[in-house]
């Protein structure tokens, strides 16, 4: 079954860039995971990049989407990154840059 919503987004640094683990949910409640490697070292730009890529696939944010970043081995909910992700997911402003 095809996923329709982004449930969680995990943000971590990998080799000078940002890696994003995306947890997707299907209408039946199945969870799928995929990894995106953003072409940037900025976490904020990376979540915007992910949002544009996911929006192009017709995905939306789940009702209680979480954006968490890795910091010192721990995962921390990051409201600023969540706002950036939701804003980019709801618009196509980034389309020209990441196209």
C-alpha atoms as a PDB file:
ATOM      1  CA  UNK A   1       0.000   0.000   0.000  1.00  0.00           C
ATOM      2  CA  UNK A   2       1.235   3.462  -0.848  1.00  0.00           C
ATOM      3  CA  UNK A   3       2.143   5.824   2.032  1.00  0.00           C
ATOM      4  CA  UNK A   4       0.196   9.044   2.355  1.00  0.00           C
ATOM      5  CA  UNK A   5       1.506  10.804   5.465  1.00  0.00           C
ATOM      6  CA  UNK A   6       4.807  11.734   7.088  1.00  0.00           C
ATOM      7  CA  UNK A   7       4.677  10.541  10.686  1.00  0.00           C
ATOM      8  CA  UNK A   8       8.196  11.462  11.859  1.00  0.00           C
ATOM      9  CA  UNK A   9      11.348  13.030  10.514  1.00  0.00           C
ATOM     10  CA  UNK A  10      14.713  12.338  12.170  1.00  0.00           C
ATOM     11  CA  UNK A  11      17.515  14.774  11.379  1.00  0.00           C
ATOM     12  CA  UNK A  12      21.199  13.944  11.845  1.00  0.00           C
ATOM     13  CA  UNK A  13      24.556  15.010  10.489  1.00  0.00           C
ATOM     14  CA  UNK A  14      26.444  12.585   8.230  1.00  0.00           C
ATOM     15  CA  UNK A  15      29.744  13.395   6.596  1.00  0.00           C
ATOM     16  CA  UNK A  16      29.256  17.162   6.390  1.00  0.00           C
ATOM     17  CA  UNK A  17      25.660  16.835   5.149  1.00  0.00           C
ATOM     18  CA  UNK A  18      22.309  16.153   6.741  1.00  0.00           C
ATOM     19  CA  UNK A  19      20.658  12.749   6.617  1.00  0.00           C
ATOM     20  CA  UNK A  20      16.920  12.507   7.139  1.00  0.00           C
ATOM     21  CA  UNK A  21      15.141   9.346   8.205  1.00  0.00           C
ATOM     22  CA  UNK A  22      11.510   9.679   7.177  1.00  0.00           C
ATOM     23  CA  UNK A  23       8.805   7.531   8.766  1.00  0.00           C
ATOM     24  CA  UNK A  24       5.786   7.284   6.481  1.00  0.00           C
ATOM     25  CA  UNK A  25       2.342   5.878   7.203  1.00  0.00           C
ATOM     26  CA  UNK A  26      -0.060   4.091   4.860  1.00  0.00           C
ATOM     27  CA  UNK A  27      -3.859   4.399   5.145  1.00  0.00           C
ATOM     28  CA  UNK A  28      -3.870   0.936   6.809  1.00  0.00           C
ATOM     29  CA  UNK A  29      -1.478   2.166   9.518  1.00  0.00           C
ATOM     30  CA  UNK A  30       1.654   0.431   8.213  1.00  0.00           C
ATOM     31  CA  UNK A  31       4.853   2.374   8.805  1.00  0.00           C
ATOM     32  CA  UNK A  32       7.594   2.572   6.218  1.00  0.00           C
ATOM     33  CA  UNK A  33      11.033   4.127   6.550  1.00  0.00           C
ATOM     34  CA  UNK A  34      13.240   5.755   3.987  1.00  0.00           C
ATOM     35  CA  UNK A  35      16.390   7.822   4.110  1.00  0.00           C
ATOM     36  CA  UNK A  36      17.087  11.062   2.262  1.00  0.00           C
ATOM     37  CA  UNK A  37      20.507  12.681   2.057  1.00  0.00           C
ATOM     38  CA  UNK A  38      20.063  16.427   1.720  1.00  0.00           C
ATOM     39  CA  UNK A  39      22.473  18.421  -0.461  1.00  0.00           C
ATOM     40  CA  UNK A  40      23.244  20.799   2.412  1.00  0.00           C
ATOM     41  CA  UNK A  41      24.890  20.968   5.825  1.00  0.00           C
ATOM     42  CA  UNK A  42      22.079  23.113   7.260  1.00  0.00           C
ATOM     43  CA  UNK A  43      19.383  21.229   9.205  1.00  0.00           C
ATOM     44  CA  UNK A  44      16.770  23.863   8.337  1.00  0.00           C
ATOM     45  CA  UNK A  45      17.539  23.712   4.613  1.00  0.00           C
ATOM     46  CA  UNK A  46      17.544  19.912   4.829  1.00  0.00           C
ATOM     47  CA  UNK A  47      14.026  19.705   6.290  1.00  0.00           C
ATOM     48  CA  UNK A  48      12.806  22.138   3.623  1.00  0.00           C
ATOM     49  CA  UNK A  49      14.445  19.973   0.948  1.00  0.00           C
ATOM     50  CA  UNK A  50      12.751  16.871   2.385  1.00  0.00           C
ATOM     51  CA  UNK A  51       9.379  18.634   2.503  1.00  0.00           C
ATOM     52  CA  UNK A  52       9.552  19.599  -1.167  1.00  0.00           C
ATOM     53  CA  UNK A  53      10.590  16.085  -2.215  1.00  0.00           C
ATOM     54  CA  UNK A  54       7.801  14.498  -0.177  1.00  0.00           C
ATOM     55  CA  UNK A  55       5.155  17.008  -1.314  1.00  0.00           C
ATOM     56  CA  UNK A  56       5.990  16.205  -4.943  1.00  0.00           C
ATOM     57  CA  UNK A  57       5.067  12.608  -4.163  1.00  0.00           C
ATOM     58  CA  UNK A  58       1.696  13.726  -2.824  1.00  0.00           C
ATOM     59  CA  UNK A  59       2.529  13.126   0.831  1.00  0.00           C
ATOM     60  CA  UNK A  60       1.129  15.248   3.638  1.00  0.00           C
ATOM     61  CA  UNK A  61       2.041  15.650   7.301  1.00  0.00           C
ATOM     62  CA  UNK A  62       0.332  13.361   9.792  1.00  0.00           C
ATOM     63  CA  UNK A  63      -1.834  15.071  12.365  1.00  0.00           C
ATOM     64  CA  UNK A  64       0.872  14.770  15.046  1.00  0.00           C
ATOM     65  CA  UNK A  65       4.008  14.843  12.950  1.00  0.00           C
ATOM     66  CA  UNK A  66       7.265  14.988  14.901  1.00  0.00           C
ATOM     67  CA  UNK A  67      10.599  16.393  13.787  1.00  0.00           C
ATOM     68  CA  UNK A  68      13.471  15.219  15.940  1.00  0.00           C
ATOM     69  CA  UNK A  69      17.152  15.966  15.672  1.00  0.00           C
ATOM     70  CA  UNK A  70      20.086  14.033  16.970  1.00  0.00           C
ATOM     71  CA  UNK A  71      22.185  15.927  19.500  1.00  0.00           C
ATOM     72  CA  UNK A  72      24.919  14.290  21.537  1.00  0.00           C
ATOM     73  CA  UNK A  73      23.494  10.824  20.973  1.00  0.00           C
ATOM     74  CA  UNK A  74      19.981  11.823  22.087  1.00  0.00           C
ATOM     75  CA  UNK A  75      16.889  12.659  20.043  1.00  0.00           C
ATOM     76  CA  UNK A  76      15.330  16.045  20.730  1.00  0.00           C
ATOM     77  CA  UNK A  77      11.997  17.323  19.416  1.00  0.00           C
ATOM     78  CA  UNK A  78      12.775  20.484  17.462  1.00  0.00           C
ATOM     79  CA  UNK A  79       9.793  22.813  17.049  1.00  0.00           C
ATOM     80  CA  UNK A  80      11.682  25.291  14.837  1.00  0.00           C
ATOM     81  CA  UNK A  81      12.604  22.533  12.366  1.00  0.00           C
ATOM     82  CA  UNK A  82       9.037  21.233  12.522  1.00  0.00           C
ATOM     83  CA  UNK A  83       7.680  24.680  11.601  1.00  0.00           C
ATOM     84  CA  UNK A  84      10.160  24.951   8.695  1.00  0.00           C
ATOM     85  CA  UNK A  85       9.185  21.463   7.491  1.00  0.00           C
ATOM     86  CA  UNK A  86       5.437  22.159   7.660  1.00  0.00           C
ATOM     87  CA  UNK A  87       5.787  25.538   5.938  1.00  0.00           C
ATOM     88  CA  UNK A  88       7.769  24.024   3.066  1.00  0.00           C
ATOM     89  CA  UNK A  89       5.446  21.015   2.812  1.00  0.00           C
ATOM     90  CA  UNK A  90       2.463  23.335   2.470  1.00  0.00           C
ATOM     91  CA  UNK A  91       4.066  25.473  -0.245  1.00  0.00           C
ATOM     92  CA  UNK A  92       6.193  24.915  -3.297  1.00  0.00           C
ATOM     93  CA  UNK A  93       8.569  27.849  -2.738  1.00  0.00           C
ATOM     94  CA  UNK A  94      11.570  25.507  -2.634  1.00  0.00           C
ATOM     95  CA  UNK A  95      10.661  23.821  -5.916  1.00  0.00           C
ATOM     96  CA  UNK A  96      12.970  25.926  -8.061  1.00  0.00           C
ATOM     97  CA  UNK A  97      15.957  25.504  -5.774  1.00  0.00           C
ATOM     98  CA  UNK A  98      15.709  21.748  -5.257  1.00  0.00           C
ATOM     99  CA  UNK A  99      14.211  20.884  -8.660  1.00  0.00           C
END
